[in-house]
N, C-alpha and C. Protein backbone atom coordinates (compact mmCIF):
# COMPACT_ATOMS: atom_id res chain seq x y z
N UNK A 1 -1.59 -10.44 5.21
CA UNK A 1 -1.41 -11.85 5.24
C UNK A 1 -2.56 -12.55 5.92
N UNK A 2 -2.48 -13.85 5.95
CA UNK A 2 -3.53 -14.66 6.54
C UNK A 2 -3.42 -14.67 8.06
N UNK A 3 -2.20 -14.72 8.58
CA UNK A 3 -2.07 -14.81 10.02
C UNK A 3 -2.46 -13.49 10.69
N UNK A 4 -3.10 -13.58 11.87
CA UNK A 4 -3.60 -12.39 12.53
C UNK A 4 -2.51 -11.51 13.15
N UNK A 5 -1.34 -12.05 13.36
CA UNK A 5 -0.26 -11.27 13.98
C UNK A 5 1.07 -11.81 13.47
N UNK A 6 1.51 -11.38 12.28
CA UNK A 6 2.71 -11.98 11.67
C UNK A 6 3.97 -11.86 12.51
N UNK A 7 4.18 -10.78 13.22
CA UNK A 7 5.40 -10.66 14.03
C UNK A 7 5.37 -11.63 15.20
N UNK A 8 4.21 -11.80 15.81
CA UNK A 8 4.09 -12.76 16.90
C UNK A 8 4.34 -14.17 16.37
N UNK A 9 3.77 -14.48 15.22
CA UNK A 9 3.96 -15.81 14.63
C UNK A 9 5.43 -16.05 14.30
N UNK A 10 6.11 -15.06 13.75
CA UNK A 10 7.53 -15.23 13.42
C UNK A 10 8.36 -15.42 14.69
N UNK A 11 8.01 -14.72 15.76
CA UNK A 11 8.73 -14.88 17.02
C UNK A 11 8.57 -16.32 17.52
N UNK A 12 7.35 -16.85 17.48
CA UNK A 12 7.12 -18.21 17.94
C UNK A 12 7.84 -19.22 17.05
N UNK A 13 7.83 -19.00 15.76
CA UNK A 13 8.53 -19.90 14.84
C UNK A 13 10.03 -19.93 15.11
N UNK A 14 10.57 -18.78 15.49
CA UNK A 14 12.01 -18.72 15.73
C UNK A 14 12.39 -19.16 17.14
N UNK A 15 11.40 -19.52 17.96
CA UNK A 15 11.69 -20.05 19.28
C UNK A 15 11.84 -19.00 20.35
N UNK A 16 11.27 -17.82 20.15
CA UNK A 16 11.32 -16.79 21.18
C UNK A 16 9.94 -16.60 21.80
N UNK A 17 9.92 -16.03 22.98
CA UNK A 17 8.66 -15.78 23.69
C UNK A 17 8.28 -14.31 23.44
N UNK A 18 7.24 -14.09 22.64
CA UNK A 18 6.85 -12.70 22.36
C UNK A 18 6.17 -12.05 23.57
N UNK A 19 6.41 -10.77 23.71
CA UNK A 19 5.74 -9.95 24.72
C UNK A 19 4.92 -8.93 23.94
N UNK A 20 3.60 -8.94 24.18
CA UNK A 20 2.72 -8.04 23.45
C UNK A 20 1.91 -7.19 24.42
N UNK A 21 1.43 -6.05 23.91
CA UNK A 21 0.52 -5.22 24.70
C UNK A 21 -0.81 -5.92 24.79
N UNK A 22 -1.42 -5.86 25.93
CA UNK A 22 -2.73 -6.46 26.15
C UNK A 22 -3.79 -5.63 25.45
N UNK A 23 -4.68 -6.27 24.76
CA UNK A 23 -5.82 -5.63 24.11
C UNK A 23 -6.95 -6.65 24.13
N UNK A 24 -8.20 -6.25 23.95
CA UNK A 24 -9.32 -7.18 24.14
C UNK A 24 -9.19 -8.50 23.37
N UNK A 25 -8.77 -8.48 22.14
CA UNK A 25 -8.69 -9.71 21.35
C UNK A 25 -7.43 -10.53 21.67
N UNK A 26 -6.54 -10.02 22.50
CA UNK A 26 -5.32 -10.75 22.83
C UNK A 26 -5.60 -12.03 23.60
N UNK A 27 -6.81 -12.18 24.09
CA UNK A 27 -7.17 -13.41 24.79
C UNK A 27 -7.12 -14.61 23.84
N UNK A 28 -7.09 -14.36 22.53
CA UNK A 28 -6.98 -15.47 21.57
C UNK A 28 -5.66 -16.22 21.76
N UNK A 29 -4.71 -15.60 22.45
CA UNK A 29 -3.41 -16.24 22.69
C UNK A 29 -3.32 -16.90 24.06
N UNK A 30 -4.44 -17.02 24.77
CA UNK A 30 -4.43 -17.74 26.05
C UNK A 30 -3.95 -19.17 25.80
N UNK A 31 -3.05 -19.63 26.64
CA UNK A 31 -2.51 -20.97 26.49
C UNK A 31 -1.34 -21.06 25.53
N UNK A 32 -0.95 -19.94 24.95
CA UNK A 32 0.20 -19.88 24.05
C UNK A 32 1.40 -19.39 24.86
N UNK A 33 2.61 -19.63 24.39
CA UNK A 33 3.79 -19.08 25.09
C UNK A 33 3.99 -17.62 24.72
N UNK A 34 3.04 -16.80 25.13
CA UNK A 34 3.02 -15.36 24.82
C UNK A 34 2.78 -14.60 26.11
N UNK A 35 3.52 -13.55 26.33
CA UNK A 35 3.34 -12.69 27.50
C UNK A 35 2.53 -11.47 27.08
N UNK A 36 1.51 -11.15 27.86
CA UNK A 36 0.71 -9.95 27.60
C UNK A 36 0.90 -8.99 28.76
N UNK A 37 1.18 -7.74 28.44
CA UNK A 37 1.34 -6.71 29.48
C UNK A 37 0.44 -5.52 29.15
N UNK A 38 -0.04 -4.85 30.18
CA UNK A 38 -0.84 -3.65 29.98
C UNK A 38 0.04 -2.43 29.75
N UNK A 39 1.25 -2.48 30.29
CA UNK A 39 2.18 -1.36 30.18
C UNK A 39 3.59 -1.93 30.06
N UNK A 40 4.38 -1.37 29.15
CA UNK A 40 5.74 -1.87 28.94
C UNK A 40 6.59 -1.80 30.21
N UNK A 41 6.22 -0.90 31.13
CA UNK A 41 6.98 -0.77 32.38
C UNK A 41 6.82 -1.99 33.28
N UNK A 42 5.88 -2.86 32.95
CA UNK A 42 5.71 -4.10 33.72
C UNK A 42 6.87 -5.07 33.50
N UNK A 43 7.62 -4.85 32.44
CA UNK A 43 8.70 -5.77 32.10
C UNK A 43 9.92 -5.46 32.97
N UNK A 44 10.28 -6.42 33.80
CA UNK A 44 11.46 -6.29 34.66
C UNK A 44 12.34 -7.52 34.46
N UNK A 45 13.56 -7.41 34.89
CA UNK A 45 14.48 -8.57 34.79
C UNK A 45 13.91 -9.77 35.53
N UNK A 46 13.35 -9.53 36.70
CA UNK A 46 12.77 -10.60 37.51
C UNK A 46 11.61 -11.28 36.77
N UNK A 47 10.72 -10.47 36.19
CA UNK A 47 9.59 -11.03 35.46
C UNK A 47 10.05 -11.77 34.21
N UNK A 48 11.06 -11.25 33.53
CA UNK A 48 11.58 -11.95 32.35
C UNK A 48 12.07 -13.34 32.73
N UNK A 49 12.77 -13.44 33.86
CA UNK A 49 13.26 -14.73 34.34
C UNK A 49 12.09 -15.66 34.66
N UNK A 50 11.10 -15.14 35.36
CA UNK A 50 9.93 -15.94 35.74
C UNK A 50 9.17 -16.42 34.50
N UNK A 51 8.93 -15.50 33.56
CA UNK A 51 8.22 -15.86 32.33
C UNK A 51 9.00 -16.91 31.54
N UNK A 52 10.30 -16.73 31.46
CA UNK A 52 11.14 -17.67 30.72
C UNK A 52 11.03 -19.06 31.33
N UNK A 53 11.17 -19.15 32.65
CA UNK A 53 11.10 -20.45 33.32
C UNK A 53 9.74 -21.11 33.12
N UNK A 54 8.69 -20.31 33.10
CA UNK A 54 7.34 -20.85 32.95
C UNK A 54 7.04 -21.31 31.52
N UNK A 55 7.57 -20.60 30.54
CA UNK A 55 7.16 -20.86 29.16
C UNK A 55 8.16 -21.63 28.31
N UNK A 56 9.42 -21.69 28.72
CA UNK A 56 10.41 -22.38 27.89
C UNK A 56 10.06 -23.86 27.67
N UNK A 57 9.37 -24.54 28.60
CA UNK A 57 8.99 -25.92 28.30
C UNK A 57 8.09 -26.05 27.07
N UNK A 58 7.37 -25.00 26.73
CA UNK A 58 6.52 -25.05 25.54
C UNK A 58 7.35 -25.08 24.26
N UNK A 59 8.62 -24.78 24.37
CA UNK A 59 9.52 -24.84 23.22
C UNK A 59 10.38 -26.10 23.25
N UNK A 60 10.62 -26.64 24.44
CA UNK A 60 11.52 -27.79 24.57
C UNK A 60 10.79 -29.13 24.52
N UNK A 61 9.55 -29.17 24.97
CA UNK A 61 8.77 -30.40 24.93
C UNK A 61 8.22 -30.57 23.52
N UNK A 62 8.61 -31.62 22.81
CA UNK A 62 8.26 -31.80 21.40
C UNK A 62 6.76 -31.82 21.16
N UNK A 63 6.00 -32.49 22.02
CA UNK A 63 4.55 -32.57 21.86
C UNK A 63 3.90 -31.20 21.99
N UNK A 64 4.30 -30.47 23.02
CA UNK A 64 3.75 -29.13 23.25
C UNK A 64 4.20 -28.19 22.14
N UNK A 65 5.45 -28.29 21.71
CA UNK A 65 5.95 -27.44 20.63
C UNK A 65 5.16 -27.68 19.35
N UNK A 66 4.85 -28.94 19.05
CA UNK A 66 4.05 -29.25 17.87
C UNK A 66 2.66 -28.64 17.96
N UNK A 67 2.08 -28.61 19.17
CA UNK A 67 0.77 -27.98 19.36
C UNK A 67 0.85 -26.48 19.10
N UNK A 68 1.92 -25.86 19.59
CA UNK A 68 2.10 -24.41 19.35
C UNK A 68 2.25 -24.16 17.86
N UNK A 69 3.05 -24.94 17.18
CA UNK A 69 3.25 -24.76 15.74
C UNK A 69 1.97 -24.99 14.96
N UNK A 70 1.13 -25.93 15.42
CA UNK A 70 -0.15 -26.16 14.76
C UNK A 70 -1.04 -24.92 14.82
N UNK A 71 -0.94 -24.19 15.92
CA UNK A 71 -1.75 -22.97 16.08
C UNK A 71 -1.35 -21.87 15.09
N UNK A 72 -0.23 -22.03 14.45
CA UNK A 72 0.24 -21.03 13.49
C UNK A 72 -0.25 -21.33 12.07
N UNK A 73 -1.05 -22.37 11.92
CA UNK A 73 -1.48 -22.78 10.59
C UNK A 73 -2.85 -22.21 10.24
N UNK A 74 -3.10 -22.12 8.96
CA UNK A 74 -4.40 -21.67 8.47
C UNK A 74 -5.49 -22.64 8.91
N UNK A 75 -5.20 -23.93 8.93
CA UNK A 75 -6.18 -24.94 9.33
C UNK A 75 -6.69 -24.66 10.75
N UNK A 76 -5.78 -24.36 11.67
CA UNK A 76 -6.16 -24.07 13.05
C UNK A 76 -7.13 -22.89 13.10
N UNK A 77 -6.78 -21.80 12.42
CA UNK A 77 -7.61 -20.60 12.45
C UNK A 77 -8.93 -20.82 11.74
N UNK A 78 -8.94 -21.58 10.66
CA UNK A 78 -10.17 -21.86 9.95
C UNK A 78 -11.13 -22.63 10.86
N UNK A 79 -10.61 -23.62 11.60
CA UNK A 79 -11.45 -24.36 12.54
C UNK A 79 -12.00 -23.46 13.63
N UNK A 80 -11.16 -22.55 14.14
CA UNK A 80 -11.63 -21.61 15.18
C UNK A 80 -12.73 -20.71 14.66
N UNK A 81 -12.57 -20.22 13.44
CA UNK A 81 -13.59 -19.35 12.83
C UNK A 81 -14.90 -20.12 12.70
N UNK A 82 -14.81 -21.33 12.18
CA UNK A 82 -16.02 -22.13 12.00
C UNK A 82 -16.70 -22.44 13.33
N UNK A 83 -15.92 -22.74 14.37
CA UNK A 83 -16.50 -23.00 15.69
C UNK A 83 -17.23 -21.76 16.22
N UNK A 84 -16.63 -20.60 16.00
CA UNK A 84 -17.26 -19.35 16.45
C UNK A 84 -18.54 -19.07 15.69
N UNK A 85 -18.55 -19.32 14.40
CA UNK A 85 -19.74 -19.08 13.59
C UNK A 85 -20.89 -20.01 13.97
N UNK A 86 -20.56 -21.22 14.42
CA UNK A 86 -21.59 -22.18 14.81
C UNK A 86 -22.23 -21.82 16.15
N UNK A 87 -21.53 -21.04 16.97
CA UNK A 87 -22.04 -20.68 18.30
C UNK A 87 -23.16 -19.67 18.22
């Protein structure tokens, strides 16, 4: 598909906070309501609560939610690619 991470995109579309393994290109999700971990053992009940409290506003605030949804579009990624190529 066109999207770089379809499962992550589907999670965001459905209103959940995805937790992904950290890898070098995962920095593309900086500023997104996405949790990155180096090891699955980092996930604890306490951290889940903290992450939820920190990121749930990105789903409840309409303006921020619209920005997140825009990042899931081909237009967003096309602009990012073009910006990178110009650098």
